[in-house]
N, C-alpha and C. Protein backbone atom coordinates (compact mmCIF):
# COMPACT_ATOMS: atom_id res chain seq x y z
N MET A 1 0.84 -1.18 0.00
CA MET A 1 0.00 0.00 0.00
C MET A 1 0.89 1.24 0.00
N LYS A 2 0.40 2.21 -0.69
CA LYS A 2 1.12 3.47 -0.73
C LYS A 2 0.79 4.32 0.50
N LYS A 3 1.61 5.32 0.74
CA LYS A 3 1.41 6.20 1.89
C LYS A 3 0.07 6.92 1.77
N ARG A 4 -0.30 7.30 0.56
CA ARG A 4 -1.56 8.01 0.34
C ARG A 4 -2.76 7.12 0.69
N ASP A 5 -2.68 5.84 0.36
CA ASP A 5 -3.77 4.91 0.67
C ASP A 5 -3.92 4.73 2.17
N ILE A 6 -2.82 4.67 2.89
CA ILE A 6 -2.87 4.50 4.34
C ILE A 6 -3.48 5.73 5.00
N ILE A 7 -3.08 6.92 4.54
CA ILE A 7 -3.64 8.15 5.10
C ILE A 7 -5.14 8.23 4.82
N THR A 8 -5.54 7.87 3.61
CA THR A 8 -6.96 7.87 3.26
C THR A 8 -7.73 6.89 4.13
N LEU A 9 -7.16 5.72 4.39
CA LEU A 9 -7.81 4.71 5.21
C LEU A 9 -7.96 5.19 6.66
N VAL A 10 -6.93 5.81 7.21
CA VAL A 10 -6.98 6.30 8.59
C VAL A 10 -8.02 7.41 8.72
N ILE A 11 -8.03 8.34 7.79
CA ILE A 11 -9.00 9.44 7.83
C ILE A 11 -10.42 8.89 7.70
N SER A 12 -10.62 7.91 6.84
CA SER A 12 -11.95 7.31 6.66
C SER A 12 -12.43 6.62 7.93
N VAL A 13 -11.52 5.92 8.60
CA VAL A 13 -11.90 5.24 9.85
C VAL A 13 -12.26 6.26 10.92
N ILE A 14 -11.51 7.35 11.03
CA ILE A 14 -11.81 8.39 12.01
C ILE A 14 -13.17 9.02 11.73
N ILE A 15 -13.44 9.33 10.48
CA ILE A 15 -14.74 9.91 10.12
C ILE A 15 -15.87 8.93 10.43
N PHE A 16 -15.65 7.64 10.16
CA PHE A 16 -16.68 6.64 10.44
C PHE A 16 -16.95 6.53 11.94
N ILE A 17 -15.90 6.55 12.75
CA ILE A 17 -16.08 6.44 14.20
C ILE A 17 -16.84 7.65 14.75
N VAL A 18 -16.51 8.85 14.28
CA VAL A 18 -17.20 10.06 14.73
C VAL A 18 -18.67 10.01 14.31
N ALA A 19 -18.93 9.62 13.07
CA ALA A 19 -20.31 9.54 12.58
C ALA A 19 -21.10 8.49 13.35
N ALA A 20 -20.49 7.34 13.62
CA ALA A 20 -21.18 6.29 14.37
C ALA A 20 -21.48 6.75 15.80
N GLY A 21 -20.56 7.49 16.41
CA GLY A 21 -20.80 8.02 17.75
C GLY A 21 -21.95 9.00 17.78
N LEU A 22 -22.03 9.87 16.79
CA LEU A 22 -23.14 10.83 16.73
C LEU A 22 -24.47 10.14 16.50
N VAL A 23 -24.49 9.16 15.61
CA VAL A 23 -25.73 8.42 15.35
C VAL A 23 -26.16 7.67 16.61
N TYR A 24 -25.23 7.05 17.31
CA TYR A 24 -25.55 6.33 18.55
C TYR A 24 -26.09 7.29 19.60
N ARG A 25 -25.51 8.47 19.69
CA ARG A 25 -25.94 9.43 20.70
C ARG A 25 -27.37 9.90 20.46
N TYR A 26 -27.75 10.09 19.21
CA TYR A 26 -29.08 10.63 18.93
C TYR A 26 -30.14 9.56 18.74
N ILE A 27 -29.77 8.33 18.45
CA ILE A 27 -30.77 7.29 18.23
C ILE A 27 -31.04 6.50 19.50
N VAL A 28 -30.01 6.10 20.21
CA VAL A 28 -30.16 5.27 21.40
C VAL A 28 -30.55 6.17 22.56
N PRO A 29 -31.65 5.86 23.26
CA PRO A 29 -32.06 6.71 24.39
C PRO A 29 -31.11 6.54 25.57
N PRO A 30 -30.98 7.57 26.39
CA PRO A 30 -30.10 7.45 27.56
C PRO A 30 -30.72 6.51 28.59
N PRO A 31 -29.92 5.95 29.47
CA PRO A 31 -30.49 5.07 30.50
C PRO A 31 -31.37 5.87 31.46
N LYS A 32 -32.25 5.17 32.13
CA LYS A 32 -33.21 5.85 33.01
C LYS A 32 -32.53 6.46 34.23
N ASP A 33 -31.50 5.82 34.76
CA ASP A 33 -30.82 6.35 35.95
C ASP A 33 -29.53 7.02 35.51
N THR A 34 -29.63 8.27 35.06
CA THR A 34 -28.45 8.99 34.59
C THR A 34 -27.79 9.79 35.69
N GLY A 35 -28.37 9.83 36.87
CA GLY A 35 -27.78 10.56 37.98
C GLY A 35 -28.20 12.02 38.04
N ILE A 36 -29.05 12.47 37.12
CA ILE A 36 -29.52 13.85 37.12
C ILE A 36 -30.83 13.90 37.90
N LYS A 37 -30.84 14.68 38.96
CA LYS A 37 -32.04 14.77 39.79
C LYS A 37 -32.44 16.22 39.94
N VAL A 38 -33.73 16.46 39.92
CA VAL A 38 -34.28 17.80 40.07
C VAL A 38 -35.05 17.83 41.38
N GLU A 39 -34.79 18.85 42.18
CA GLU A 39 -35.47 18.98 43.46
C GLU A 39 -36.28 20.26 43.47
N VAL A 40 -37.59 20.13 43.64
CA VAL A 40 -38.48 21.28 43.77
C VAL A 40 -38.80 21.42 45.25
N PRO A 41 -38.54 22.59 45.86
CA PRO A 41 -38.68 22.71 47.31
C PRO A 41 -40.11 22.61 47.82
N HIS A 42 -41.10 22.94 47.01
CA HIS A 42 -42.49 22.92 47.44
C HIS A 42 -43.33 22.26 46.35
N PRO A 43 -44.40 21.59 46.73
CA PRO A 43 -45.26 21.01 45.70
C PRO A 43 -45.93 22.10 44.87
N VAL A 44 -46.06 21.84 43.59
CA VAL A 44 -46.64 22.84 42.68
C VAL A 44 -47.87 22.23 42.02
N ASN A 45 -48.97 22.95 42.11
CA ASN A 45 -50.20 22.53 41.43
C ASN A 45 -50.13 22.91 39.97
N PRO A 46 -50.86 22.20 39.10
CA PRO A 46 -50.85 22.59 37.68
C PRO A 46 -51.37 24.00 37.44
N THR A 47 -52.25 24.47 38.30
CA THR A 47 -52.75 25.84 38.18
C THR A 47 -52.16 26.66 39.32
N PHE A 48 -50.89 26.99 39.22
CA PHE A 48 -50.23 27.71 40.31
C PHE A 48 -50.42 29.21 40.15
N ASN A 49 -50.34 29.89 41.28
CA ASN A 49 -50.53 31.34 41.28
C ASN A 49 -49.17 32.04 41.32
N ALA A 50 -49.17 33.35 41.47
CA ALA A 50 -47.95 34.14 41.43
C ALA A 50 -47.03 33.83 42.62
N ASP A 51 -47.61 33.53 43.78
CA ASP A 51 -46.78 33.20 44.95
C ASP A 51 -46.00 31.91 44.72
N GLN A 52 -46.66 30.91 44.15
CA GLN A 52 -45.97 29.66 43.87
C GLN A 52 -44.92 29.86 42.79
N LEU A 53 -45.18 30.72 41.81
CA LEU A 53 -44.20 30.99 40.77
C LEU A 53 -42.97 31.67 41.37
N ASN A 54 -43.16 32.60 42.31
CA ASN A 54 -42.03 33.23 43.00
C ASN A 54 -41.25 32.21 43.81
N THR A 55 -41.93 31.24 44.40
CA THR A 55 -41.24 30.18 45.13
C THR A 55 -40.34 29.39 44.20
N LEU A 56 -40.84 29.08 43.03
CA LEU A 56 -40.03 28.34 42.07
C LEU A 56 -38.82 29.16 41.63
N LYS A 57 -39.00 30.46 41.49
CA LYS A 57 -37.90 31.30 41.01
C LYS A 57 -36.87 31.56 42.10
N ASN A 58 -37.31 31.72 43.35
CA ASN A 58 -36.42 32.18 44.41
C ASN A 58 -35.92 31.10 45.35
N ASP A 59 -36.68 30.04 45.60
CA ASP A 59 -36.30 29.06 46.60
C ASP A 59 -35.73 27.77 46.01
N VAL A 60 -35.30 27.80 44.77
CA VAL A 60 -34.74 26.62 44.13
C VAL A 60 -33.26 26.54 44.48
N LYS A 61 -32.80 25.34 44.88
CA LYS A 61 -31.39 25.16 45.20
C LYS A 61 -30.57 25.12 43.92
N ASP A 62 -29.50 25.90 43.88
CA ASP A 62 -28.63 25.95 42.71
C ASP A 62 -27.36 25.18 43.01
N PHE A 63 -27.16 24.07 42.31
CA PHE A 63 -25.99 23.23 42.52
C PHE A 63 -24.92 23.46 41.46
N SER A 64 -25.06 24.50 40.65
CA SER A 64 -24.04 24.75 39.62
C SER A 64 -22.79 25.32 40.27
N PRO A 65 -21.61 24.95 39.75
CA PRO A 65 -20.37 25.45 40.36
C PRO A 65 -20.17 26.93 40.09
N ASP A 66 -19.51 27.60 41.02
CA ASP A 66 -19.21 29.02 40.88
C ASP A 66 -17.93 29.15 40.06
N LEU A 67 -18.05 29.67 38.85
CA LEU A 67 -16.93 29.76 37.93
C LEU A 67 -16.37 31.17 37.81
N THR A 68 -16.77 32.06 38.71
CA THR A 68 -16.25 33.42 38.63
C THR A 68 -14.78 33.43 39.04
N PRO A 69 -13.94 34.17 38.33
CA PRO A 69 -12.52 34.17 38.66
C PRO A 69 -12.27 34.88 39.99
N LYS A 70 -11.31 34.37 40.73
CA LYS A 70 -10.96 34.94 42.04
C LYS A 70 -9.65 35.70 41.92
N ASP A 71 -9.53 36.78 42.65
CA ASP A 71 -8.32 37.56 42.65
C ASP A 71 -7.35 36.97 43.68
N SER A 72 -6.16 36.59 43.23
CA SER A 72 -5.18 36.00 44.13
C SER A 72 -4.29 37.06 44.77
N GLY A 73 -4.52 38.32 44.45
CA GLY A 73 -3.74 39.40 45.03
C GLY A 73 -2.59 39.84 44.14
N ASN A 74 -2.20 39.04 43.19
CA ASN A 74 -1.06 39.36 42.34
C ASN A 74 -1.48 39.92 40.98
N LYS A 75 -2.56 39.39 40.44
CA LYS A 75 -2.95 39.76 39.08
C LYS A 75 -4.37 40.35 39.11
N PRO A 76 -4.66 41.30 38.25
CA PRO A 76 -6.05 41.80 38.20
C PRO A 76 -6.99 40.79 37.57
N VAL A 77 -8.22 40.80 38.05
CA VAL A 77 -9.25 39.91 37.52
C VAL A 77 -10.00 40.66 36.44
N ILE A 78 -10.04 40.10 35.24
CA ILE A 78 -10.73 40.73 34.11
C ILE A 78 -12.05 39.99 33.91
N GLN A 79 -13.16 40.73 33.94
CA GLN A 79 -14.46 40.10 33.73
C GLN A 79 -15.17 40.75 32.57
């Protein structure tokens, strides 16, 4: 085999693996126990009023990490 044929074969295999991964991701459903859990602090009726809507907006626990840069004292923080 020539060098060009080997390069073409390697690139084709890489493209096939990426395409197969994307098809698998969108066709096969995720497992039921993915570890993602949602916690609502208070029960909500289907016909909720403004007070219950404020509860949903204000009393929800936020588990997202804080990614704001911290100043170490040596360098300025640019935001």
